[in-house]
Amino acid sequence: MAVEGGFTVMVVDDHPIWRDAVARDLVEDGFDVVATAAGVESARRRAAVVKPDVVLMDMRLGDGTGTQATTAVLEVSPSSRILVLSASAEREDVLQAVKAGATGYLVKSASKTELAQAVRATAYFLWEQDGRPEGRAFEYWLKAKEIHQRQLAYDRWLAEGSPEGRDLDIWVEVSQEIDES
């Protein structure tokens, strides 16, 4: 099986069944899962060695928080992109994740397809620094960039409160897209 996009993924979750299932699903979808970790310290140690492109991060870990783990991973692997995968959809959790450096946030109620799309979008965001991809990868990159920009706007609106005017129209459209997915 070909590796999706040539990027690497690390899964961080303190629940072994969940962590292993997510890693297995990603591998089945063609992603290169290079490491898994159960907590803040193991995530930091493994990220320092494997330098993953994308880190799928739970917000609640046995030895700390996903926010602490995000900070620790980015200290040792600053080019990694963090996609939070959490049971919590609380505004404060989203804000803390973004403030710590997370690129994206996805709730654990997401489908396997939505998870793969989110990992792909997070990974393709890396190409912003390295130039644009070509061919079919370019199509994925454009879609990922659009999704990422919409997610950033949505996160900003959540953080700042209710939007007004044209922003309200866009916010309603984006929130409906998120609810429908």
N, C-alpha and C. Protein backbone atom coordinates (compact mmCIF):
# COMPACT_ATOMS: atom_id res chain seq x y z
N MET A 1 0.84 -1.18 0.00
CA MET A 1 0.00 0.00 0.00
C MET A 1 0.88 1.24 0.00
N ALA A 2 0.59 2.20 -0.84
CA ALA A 2 1.34 3.45 -0.91
C ALA A 2 1.03 4.30 0.31
N VAL A 3 2.02 5.04 0.77
CA VAL A 3 1.84 5.91 1.92
C VAL A 3 1.21 7.21 1.44
N GLU A 4 0.15 7.63 2.11
CA GLU A 4 -0.61 8.83 1.76
C GLU A 4 0.25 10.07 1.85
N GLY A 5 0.53 10.69 0.70
CA GLY A 5 1.19 11.98 0.66
C GLY A 5 2.64 12.02 1.10
N GLY A 6 3.18 10.92 1.60
CA GLY A 6 4.57 10.89 2.01
C GLY A 6 4.85 11.56 3.35
N PHE A 7 3.83 11.87 4.12
CA PHE A 7 4.06 12.50 5.41
C PHE A 7 3.86 11.49 6.54
N THR A 8 4.35 11.84 7.73
CA THR A 8 4.32 10.92 8.86
C THR A 8 3.35 11.42 9.94
N VAL A 9 2.80 10.44 10.69
CA VAL A 9 1.81 10.76 11.71
C VAL A 9 2.19 10.07 13.02
N MET A 10 1.96 10.77 14.13
CA MET A 10 2.10 10.20 15.47
C MET A 10 0.76 10.37 16.18
N VAL A 11 0.30 9.34 16.90
CA VAL A 11 -0.97 9.37 17.62
C VAL A 11 -0.68 9.40 19.12
N VAL A 12 -1.26 10.40 19.82
CA VAL A 12 -1.06 10.55 21.26
C VAL A 12 -2.41 10.47 21.96
N ASP A 13 -2.60 9.41 22.76
CA ASP A 13 -3.83 9.22 23.53
C ASP A 13 -3.51 8.27 24.67
N ASP A 14 -4.06 8.54 25.84
CA ASP A 14 -3.75 7.69 27.00
C ASP A 14 -4.58 6.42 27.08
N HIS A 15 -5.56 6.27 26.21
CA HIS A 15 -6.37 5.04 26.18
C HIS A 15 -5.83 4.12 25.09
N PRO A 16 -5.21 3.00 25.48
CA PRO A 16 -4.55 2.13 24.49
C PRO A 16 -5.48 1.62 23.39
N ILE A 17 -6.69 1.25 23.73
CA ILE A 17 -7.61 0.73 22.71
C ILE A 17 -7.92 1.81 21.68
N TRP A 18 -8.21 3.01 22.16
CA TRP A 18 -8.52 4.13 21.25
C TRP A 18 -7.29 4.49 20.41
N ARG A 19 -6.13 4.62 21.07
CA ARG A 19 -4.88 4.99 20.38
C ARG A 19 -4.54 3.97 19.30
N ASP A 20 -4.62 2.69 19.64
CA ASP A 20 -4.28 1.64 18.67
C ASP A 20 -5.29 1.58 17.52
N ALA A 21 -6.57 1.80 17.84
CA ALA A 21 -7.60 1.77 16.79
C ALA A 21 -7.43 2.93 15.81
N VAL A 22 -7.14 4.11 16.33
CA VAL A 22 -6.93 5.28 15.46
C VAL A 22 -5.70 5.05 14.59
N ALA A 23 -4.61 4.58 15.19
CA ALA A 23 -3.40 4.30 14.41
C ALA A 23 -3.67 3.26 13.32
N ARG A 24 -4.38 2.20 13.67
CA ARG A 24 -4.71 1.16 12.70
C ARG A 24 -5.57 1.71 11.57
N ASP A 25 -6.58 2.50 11.91
CA ASP A 25 -7.45 3.10 10.89
C ASP A 25 -6.64 3.99 9.94
N LEU A 26 -5.73 4.75 10.49
CA LEU A 26 -4.91 5.63 9.65
C LEU A 26 -4.01 4.82 8.72
N VAL A 27 -3.42 3.77 9.24
CA VAL A 27 -2.57 2.90 8.41
C VAL A 27 -3.41 2.27 7.30
N GLU A 28 -4.61 1.80 7.64
CA GLU A 28 -5.51 1.21 6.63
C GLU A 28 -5.88 2.21 5.55
N ASP A 29 -5.92 3.51 5.93
CA ASP A 29 -6.23 4.56 4.96
C ASP A 29 -4.99 5.03 4.19
N GLY A 30 -3.85 4.39 4.46
CA GLY A 30 -2.64 4.70 3.70
C GLY A 30 -1.69 5.69 4.34
N PHE A 31 -1.92 6.05 5.59
CA PHE A 31 -1.04 7.00 6.27
C PHE A 31 0.15 6.26 6.89
N ASP A 32 1.26 6.96 7.05
CA ASP A 32 2.48 6.40 7.64
C ASP A 32 2.53 6.77 9.13
N VAL A 33 1.98 5.91 9.98
CA VAL A 33 2.00 6.16 11.43
C VAL A 33 3.35 5.68 11.95
N VAL A 34 4.17 6.63 12.38
CA VAL A 34 5.54 6.32 12.78
C VAL A 34 5.72 6.15 14.28
N ALA A 35 4.72 6.58 15.06
CA ALA A 35 4.84 6.45 16.52
C ALA A 35 3.47 6.63 17.17
N THR A 36 3.37 6.07 18.37
CA THR A 36 2.22 6.34 19.23
C THR A 36 2.78 6.67 20.61
N ALA A 37 2.00 7.42 21.39
CA ALA A 37 2.45 7.80 22.72
C ALA A 37 1.22 7.87 23.63
N ALA A 38 1.46 7.67 24.93
CA ALA A 38 0.37 7.63 25.89
C ALA A 38 0.24 8.91 26.71
N GLY A 39 1.24 9.78 26.67
CA GLY A 39 1.19 10.97 27.51
C GLY A 39 2.16 12.05 27.07
N VAL A 40 2.27 13.06 27.90
CA VAL A 40 3.09 14.24 27.60
C VAL A 40 4.55 13.85 27.40
N GLU A 41 5.12 13.16 28.37
CA GLU A 41 6.55 12.83 28.30
C GLU A 41 6.87 11.87 27.16
N SER A 42 6.06 10.85 26.98
CA SER A 42 6.34 9.91 25.89
C SER A 42 6.13 10.59 24.53
N ALA A 43 5.19 11.51 24.43
CA ALA A 43 4.98 12.24 23.18
C ALA A 43 6.21 13.11 22.87
N ARG A 44 6.71 13.79 23.89
CA ARG A 44 7.90 14.64 23.70
C ARG A 44 9.10 13.80 23.26
N ARG A 45 9.35 12.69 23.96
CA ARG A 45 10.50 11.84 23.63
C ARG A 45 10.39 11.28 22.20
N ARG A 46 9.23 10.77 21.86
CA ARG A 46 9.07 10.17 20.53
C ARG A 46 9.11 11.21 19.43
N ALA A 47 8.50 12.36 19.65
CA ALA A 47 8.53 13.43 18.64
C ALA A 47 9.96 13.92 18.40
N ALA A 48 10.77 13.95 19.44
CA ALA A 48 12.16 14.37 19.29
C ALA A 48 12.93 13.44 18.36
N VAL A 49 12.55 12.17 18.35
CA VAL A 49 13.24 11.18 17.52
C VAL A 49 12.65 11.11 16.11
N VAL A 50 11.33 10.99 16.00
CA VAL A 50 10.72 10.74 14.68
C VAL A 50 10.33 12.01 13.93
N LYS A 51 10.23 13.15 14.61
CA LYS A 51 9.87 14.43 13.98
C LYS A 51 8.66 14.27 13.05
N PRO A 52 7.50 13.87 13.60
CA PRO A 52 6.34 13.61 12.74
C PRO A 52 5.82 14.89 12.08
N ASP A 53 5.25 14.72 10.89
CA ASP A 53 4.64 15.86 10.21
C ASP A 53 3.35 16.26 10.91
N VAL A 54 2.55 15.26 11.28
CA VAL A 54 1.27 15.51 11.94
C VAL A 54 1.23 14.71 13.24
N VAL A 55 0.77 15.36 14.31
CA VAL A 55 0.56 14.70 15.59
C VAL A 55 -0.93 14.78 15.90
N LEU A 56 -1.55 13.63 16.06
CA LEU A 56 -2.95 13.55 16.45
C LEU A 56 -2.96 13.50 17.96
N MET A 57 -3.50 14.54 18.63
CA MET A 57 -3.33 14.74 20.06
C MET A 57 -4.65 14.75 20.82
N ASP A 58 -4.75 13.90 21.85
CA ASP A 58 -5.90 13.95 22.76
C ASP A 58 -5.67 15.11 23.73
N MET A 59 -6.75 15.69 24.26
CA MET A 59 -6.62 16.82 25.19
C MET A 59 -6.46 16.38 26.64
N ARG A 60 -6.88 15.18 26.95
CA ARG A 60 -6.77 14.72 28.32
C ARG A 60 -5.89 13.47 28.35
N LEU A 61 -4.74 13.62 28.99
CA LEU A 61 -3.76 12.54 29.04
C LEU A 61 -3.50 12.16 30.49
N GLY A 62 -2.98 10.97 30.71
CA GLY A 62 -2.76 10.49 32.06
C GLY A 62 -1.78 11.33 32.87
N ASP A 63 -0.76 11.89 32.21
CA ASP A 63 0.26 12.64 32.94
C ASP A 63 0.21 14.14 32.65
N GLY A 64 -0.89 14.62 32.12
CA GLY A 64 -1.02 16.04 31.84
C GLY A 64 -2.12 16.30 30.83
N THR A 65 -2.00 17.43 30.15
CA THR A 65 -3.02 17.82 29.18
C THR A 65 -2.48 17.80 27.76
N GLY A 66 -3.38 17.79 26.82
CA GLY A 66 -2.98 17.88 25.42
C GLY A 66 -2.31 19.21 25.12
N THR A 67 -2.69 20.24 25.86
CA THR A 67 -2.05 21.55 25.71
C THR A 67 -0.58 21.45 26.12
N GLN A 68 -0.31 20.81 27.25
CA GLN A 68 1.07 20.62 27.69
C GLN A 68 1.85 19.77 26.71
N ALA A 69 1.21 18.72 26.20
CA ALA A 69 1.87 17.83 25.25
C ALA A 69 2.14 18.55 23.93
N THR A 70 1.20 19.38 23.50
CA THR A 70 1.41 20.16 22.27
C THR A 70 2.62 21.05 22.41
N THR A 71 2.71 21.76 23.51
CA THR A 71 3.86 22.63 23.77
C THR A 71 5.15 21.82 23.78
N ALA A 72 5.15 20.68 24.47
CA ALA A 72 6.34 19.84 24.57
C ALA A 72 6.76 19.30 23.20
N VAL A 73 5.80 18.84 22.41
CA VAL A 73 6.12 18.30 21.07
C VAL A 73 6.69 19.40 20.19
N LEU A 74 6.08 20.58 20.21
CA LEU A 74 6.55 21.67 19.34
C LEU A 74 7.92 22.20 19.77
N GLU A 75 8.29 22.01 21.03
CA GLU A 75 9.62 22.40 21.48
C GLU A 75 10.70 21.53 20.83
N VAL A 76 10.41 20.23 20.66
CA VAL A 76 11.40 19.30 20.12
C VAL A 76 11.22 19.04 18.62
N SER A 77 10.05 19.38 18.10
CA SER A 77 9.76 19.16 16.68
C SER A 77 8.90 20.33 16.17
N PRO A 78 9.52 21.51 16.03
CA PRO A 78 8.75 22.72 15.71
C PRO A 78 8.03 22.69 14.36
N SER A 79 8.45 21.83 13.45
CA SER A 79 7.77 21.78 12.16
C SER A 79 6.55 20.85 12.16
N SER A 80 6.35 20.13 13.26
CA SER A 80 5.17 19.27 13.36
C SER A 80 3.91 20.12 13.41
N ARG A 81 2.82 19.57 12.90
CA ARG A 81 1.51 20.21 12.98
C ARG A 81 0.63 19.35 13.87
N ILE A 82 -0.06 19.99 14.80
CA ILE A 82 -0.86 19.28 15.79
C ILE A 82 -2.33 19.34 15.40
N LEU A 83 -2.96 18.16 15.32
CA LEU A 83 -4.39 18.06 15.13
C LEU A 83 -4.96 17.44 16.40
N VAL A 84 -5.71 18.23 17.15
CA VAL A 84 -6.30 17.73 18.39
C VAL A 84 -7.51 16.88 18.04
N LEU A 85 -7.58 15.71 18.65
CA LEU A 85 -8.72 14.81 18.53
C LEU A 85 -9.21 14.57 19.95
N SER A 86 -10.33 15.18 20.30
CA SER A 86 -10.77 15.16 21.68
C SER A 86 -12.26 14.87 21.81
N ALA A 87 -12.64 14.31 22.94
CA ALA A 87 -14.05 14.09 23.23
C ALA A 87 -14.75 15.41 23.54
N SER A 88 -13.97 16.40 23.92
CA SER A 88 -14.53 17.68 24.31
C SER A 88 -14.67 18.63 23.11
N ALA A 89 -15.82 19.26 23.03
CA ALA A 89 -16.03 20.31 22.03
C ALA A 89 -16.21 21.65 22.75
N GLU A 90 -15.78 21.71 24.00
CA GLU A 90 -15.92 22.93 24.79
C GLU A 90 -15.04 24.04 24.21
N ARG A 91 -15.60 25.23 24.16
CA ARG A 91 -14.91 26.39 23.59
C ARG A 91 -13.54 26.60 24.24
N GLU A 92 -13.48 26.48 25.55
CA GLU A 92 -12.22 26.70 26.27
C GLU A 92 -11.15 25.70 25.85
N ASP A 93 -11.52 24.45 25.63
CA ASP A 93 -10.56 23.43 25.18
C ASP A 93 -10.02 23.78 23.79
N VAL A 94 -10.90 24.21 22.90
CA VAL A 94 -10.48 24.59 21.55
C VAL A 94 -9.51 25.76 21.63
N LEU A 95 -9.85 26.77 22.42
CA LEU A 95 -8.98 27.95 22.55
C LEU A 95 -7.62 27.59 23.13
N GLN A 96 -7.62 26.74 24.16
CA GLN A 96 -6.34 26.33 24.76
C GLN A 96 -5.47 25.59 23.75
N ALA A 97 -6.09 24.72 22.96
CA ALA A 97 -5.34 23.96 21.96
C ALA A 97 -4.72 24.89 20.92
N VAL A 98 -5.51 25.84 20.43
CA VAL A 98 -5.01 26.77 19.42
C VAL A 98 -3.90 27.65 20.00
N LYS A 99 -4.09 28.13 21.22
CA LYS A 99 -3.07 28.96 21.88
C LYS A 99 -1.76 28.19 22.06
N ALA A 100 -1.86 26.88 22.29
CA ALA A 100 -0.66 26.06 22.49
C ALA A 100 0.05 25.76 21.17
N GLY A 101 -0.65 26.00 20.05
CA GLY A 101 -0.01 25.79 18.75
C GLY A 101 -0.68 24.76 17.86
N ALA A 102 -1.86 24.27 18.26
CA ALA A 102 -2.56 23.29 17.42
C ALA A 102 -2.98 23.92 16.10
N THR A 103 -2.87 23.15 15.04
CA THR A 103 -3.28 23.59 13.71
C THR A 103 -4.77 23.34 13.50
N GLY A 104 -5.31 22.27 14.10
CA GLY A 104 -6.71 21.92 13.92
C GLY A 104 -7.27 21.23 15.14
N TYR A 105 -8.59 21.07 15.16
CA TYR A 105 -9.28 20.48 16.29
C TYR A 105 -10.44 19.66 15.75
N LEU A 106 -10.55 18.42 16.17
CA LEU A 106 -11.61 17.53 15.71
C LEU A 106 -12.16 16.77 16.92
N VAL A 107 -13.48 16.64 17.00
CA VAL A 107 -14.07 15.89 18.11
C VAL A 107 -14.05 14.39 17.79
N LYS A 108 -13.98 13.59 18.84
CA LYS A 108 -13.87 12.14 18.67
C LYS A 108 -15.12 11.50 18.10
N SER A 109 -16.20 12.24 18.02
CA SER A 109 -17.41 11.71 17.40
C SER A 109 -17.32 11.75 15.87
N ALA A 110 -16.23 12.27 15.34
CA ALA A 110 -16.03 12.33 13.88
C ALA A 110 -15.93 10.92 13.31
N SER A 111 -16.31 10.79 12.06
CA SER A 111 -16.22 9.50 11.38
C SER A 111 -14.77 9.21 10.97
N LYS A 112 -14.52 7.98 10.60
CA LYS A 112 -13.20 7.58 10.10
C LYS A 112 -12.83 8.42 8.88
N THR A 113 -13.78 8.67 8.01
CA THR A 113 -13.54 9.49 6.81
C THR A 113 -13.19 10.92 7.20
N GLU A 114 -13.92 11.49 8.15
CA GLU A 114 -13.63 12.86 8.60
C GLU A 114 -12.25 12.94 9.26
N LEU A 115 -11.89 11.91 10.01
CA LEU A 115 -10.56 11.88 10.62
C LEU A 115 -9.49 11.89 9.54
N ALA A 116 -9.63 11.03 8.54
CA ALA A 116 -8.64 10.99 7.45
C ALA A 116 -8.57 12.33 6.73
N GLN A 117 -9.71 12.96 6.50
CA GLN A 117 -9.72 14.27 5.84
C GLN A 117 -9.01 15.32 6.69
N ALA A 118 -9.25 15.28 7.98
CA ALA A 118 -8.62 16.25 8.87
C ALA A 118 -7.11 16.06 8.95
N VAL A 119 -6.66 14.80 9.02
CA VAL A 119 -5.21 14.53 9.04
C VAL A 119 -4.60 15.00 7.72
N ARG A 120 -5.25 14.68 6.62
CA ARG A 120 -4.77 15.09 5.30
C ARG A 120 -4.69 16.62 5.21
N ALA A 121 -5.74 17.31 5.66
CA ALA A 121 -5.75 18.78 5.62
C ALA A 121 -4.63 19.35 6.47
N THR A 122 -4.41 18.78 7.64
CA THR A 122 -3.35 19.24 8.52
C THR A 122 -1.99 19.02 7.87
N ALA A 123 -1.80 17.86 7.26
CA ALA A 123 -0.52 17.55 6.60
C ALA A 123 -0.28 18.46 5.40
N TYR A 124 -1.29 18.66 4.59
CA TYR A 124 -1.11 19.49 3.40
C TYR A 124 -0.86 20.94 3.76
N PHE A 125 -1.25 21.34 4.96
CA PHE A 125 -0.94 22.68 5.43
C PHE A 125 0.58 22.89 5.49
N LEU A 126 1.34 21.81 5.70
CA LEU A 126 2.80 21.89 5.75
C LEU A 126 3.38 22.43 4.46
N TRP A 127 2.71 22.17 3.35
CA TRP A 127 3.23 22.61 2.05
C TRP A 127 3.25 24.11 1.91
N GLU A 128 2.58 24.81 2.79
CA GLU A 128 2.62 26.27 2.76
C GLU A 128 4.07 26.75 2.87
N GLN A 129 4.85 26.07 3.69
CA GLN A 129 6.24 26.48 3.90
C GLN A 129 7.17 26.00 2.79
N ASP A 130 6.85 24.90 2.16
CA ASP A 130 7.76 24.26 1.22
C ASP A 130 7.39 24.46 -0.24
N GLY A 131 6.39 25.26 -0.53
CA GLY A 131 5.95 25.44 -1.90
C GLY A 131 4.78 24.53 -2.21
N ARG A 132 4.14 24.79 -3.32
CA ARG A 132 2.92 24.05 -3.65
C ARG A 132 3.22 22.72 -4.32
N PRO A 133 2.42 21.72 -4.01
CA PRO A 133 2.56 20.42 -4.67
C PRO A 133 2.02 20.47 -6.09
N GLU A 134 2.17 19.38 -6.81
CA GLU A 134 1.71 19.33 -8.20
C GLU A 134 0.70 18.20 -8.38
N GLY A 135 -0.01 18.24 -9.52
CA GLY A 135 -0.94 17.17 -9.90
C GLY A 135 -2.08 17.02 -8.93
N ARG A 136 -2.45 15.76 -8.68
CA ARG A 136 -3.59 15.47 -7.81
C ARG A 136 -3.33 15.97 -6.39
N ALA A 137 -2.09 15.90 -5.96
CA ALA A 137 -1.76 16.40 -4.63
C ALA A 137 -2.09 17.88 -4.52
N PHE A 138 -1.93 18.62 -5.64
CA PHE A 138 -2.26 20.04 -5.63
C PHE A 138 -3.75 20.25 -5.37
N GLU A 139 -4.60 19.39 -5.94
CA GLU A 139 -6.04 19.48 -5.71
C GLU A 139 -6.36 19.26 -4.23
N TYR A 140 -5.72 18.24 -3.63
CA TYR A 140 -5.92 17.99 -2.20
C TYR A 140 -5.45 19.19 -1.38
N TRP A 141 -4.31 19.74 -1.77
CA TRP A 141 -3.73 20.86 -1.05
C TRP A 141 -4.66 22.06 -1.09
N LEU A 142 -5.23 22.35 -2.26
CA LEU A 142 -6.16 23.48 -2.37
C LEU A 142 -7.37 23.28 -1.46
N LYS A 143 -7.94 22.09 -1.47
CA LYS A 143 -9.10 21.80 -0.62
C LYS A 143 -8.70 21.88 0.85
N ALA A 144 -7.55 21.32 1.19
CA ALA A 144 -7.09 21.37 2.57
C ALA A 144 -6.86 22.80 3.02
N LYS A 145 -6.30 23.61 2.13
CA LYS A 145 -6.05 25.01 2.47
C LYS A 145 -7.37 25.74 2.72
N GLU A 146 -8.36 25.47 1.87
CA GLU A 146 -9.67 26.08 2.04
C GLU A 146 -10.30 25.65 3.37
N ILE A 147 -10.24 24.35 3.66
CA ILE A 147 -10.79 23.84 4.92
C ILE A 147 -10.07 24.48 6.11
N HIS A 148 -8.75 24.55 6.00
CA HIS A 148 -7.96 25.11 7.10
C HIS A 148 -8.31 26.58 7.33
N GLN A 149 -8.42 27.36 6.25
CA GLN A 149 -8.76 28.77 6.38
C GLN A 149 -10.13 28.95 7.00
N ARG A 150 -11.09 28.13 6.58
CA ARG A 150 -12.44 28.20 7.15
C ARG A 150 -12.41 27.81 8.62
N GLN A 151 -11.63 26.78 8.95
CA GLN A 151 -11.55 26.35 10.35
C GLN A 151 -10.92 27.43 11.21
N LEU A 152 -9.86 28.09 10.71
CA LEU A 152 -9.24 29.17 11.46
C LEU A 152 -10.24 30.30 11.70
N ALA A 153 -11.00 30.66 10.67
CA ALA A 153 -12.00 31.72 10.81
C ALA A 153 -13.06 31.30 11.82
N TYR A 154 -13.51 30.07 11.73
CA TYR A 154 -14.53 29.57 12.65
C TYR A 154 -14.00 29.58 14.09
N ASP A 155 -12.76 29.12 14.27
CA ASP A 155 -12.15 29.13 15.60
C ASP A 155 -12.02 30.55 16.14
N ARG A 156 -11.63 31.48 15.26
CA ARG A 156 -11.49 32.88 15.67
C ARG A 156 -12.84 33.44 16.10
N TRP A 157 -13.89 33.12 15.32
CA TRP A 157 -15.23 33.60 15.68
C TRP A 157 -15.69 32.99 16.99
N LEU A 158 -15.35 31.73 17.24
CA LEU A 158 -15.71 31.13 18.52
C LEU A 158 -15.01 31.86 19.66
N ALA A 159 -13.75 32.21 19.45
CA ALA A 159 -12.96 32.87 20.48
C ALA A 159 -13.43 34.30 20.74
N GLU A 160 -13.83 34.99 19.67
CA GLU A 160 -14.17 36.41 19.79
C GLU A 160 -15.65 36.65 20.09
N GLY A 161 -16.46 35.62 19.96
CA GLY A 161 -17.89 35.81 20.17
C GLY A 161 -18.64 35.84 18.86
N SER A 162 -19.87 36.21 18.90
CA SER A 162 -20.73 36.18 17.73
C SER A 162 -20.29 37.19 16.67
N PRO A 163 -20.19 36.75 15.41
CA PRO A 163 -19.85 37.66 14.32
C PRO A 163 -21.06 38.50 13.91
N GLU A 164 -20.80 39.53 13.12
CA GLU A 164 -21.87 40.41 12.66
C GLU A 164 -21.78 40.57 11.15
N GLY A 165 -22.87 41.05 10.53
CA GLY A 165 -22.88 41.38 9.11
C GLY A 165 -22.51 40.21 8.22
N ARG A 166 -21.65 40.47 7.23
CA ARG A 166 -21.20 39.46 6.27
C ARG A 166 -20.52 38.30 6.99
N ASP A 167 -19.77 38.61 8.04
CA ASP A 167 -19.11 37.55 8.80
C ASP A 167 -20.14 36.59 9.39
N LEU A 168 -21.30 37.10 9.80
CA LEU A 168 -22.35 36.24 10.34
C LEU A 168 -22.84 35.26 9.28
N ASP A 169 -23.02 35.73 8.05
CA ASP A 169 -23.46 34.86 6.97
C ASP A 169 -22.46 33.74 6.73
N ILE A 170 -21.18 34.09 6.68
CA ILE A 170 -20.13 33.09 6.46
C ILE A 170 -20.07 32.14 7.65
N TRP A 171 -20.16 32.67 8.86
CA TRP A 171 -20.09 31.85 10.06
C TRP A 171 -21.22 30.83 10.07
N VAL A 172 -22.43 31.25 9.70
CA VAL A 172 -23.57 30.33 9.66
C VAL A 172 -23.30 29.24 8.63
N GLU A 173 -22.78 29.62 7.46
CA GLU A 173 -22.48 28.66 6.40
C GLU A 173 -21.45 27.64 6.88
N VAL A 174 -20.37 28.11 7.49
CA VAL A 174 -19.31 27.21 7.96
C VAL A 174 -19.82 26.33 9.09
N SER A 175 -20.58 26.89 10.02
CA SER A 175 -21.08 26.07 11.13
C SER A 175 -22.05 25.01 10.62
N GLN A 176 -22.83 25.33 9.58
CA GLN A 176 -23.72 24.32 9.00
C GLN A 176 -22.92 23.21 8.33
N GLU A 177 -21.83 23.59 7.63
CA GLU A 177 -20.98 22.58 6.99
C GLU A 177 -20.40 21.65 8.06
N ILE A 178 -19.96 22.23 9.16
CA ILE A 178 -19.36 21.43 10.24
C ILE A 178 -20.43 20.52 10.85
N ASP A 179 -21.63 21.06 11.08
CA ASP A 179 -22.71 20.25 11.66
C ASP A 179 -23.13 19.12 10.75
N GLU A 180 -23.12 19.36 9.41
CA GLU A 180 -23.55 18.34 8.46
C GLU A 180 -22.53 17.23 8.29
N SER A 181 -21.27 17.52 8.60
CA SER A 181 -20.22 16.51 8.40
C SER A 181 -20.14 15.54 9.54
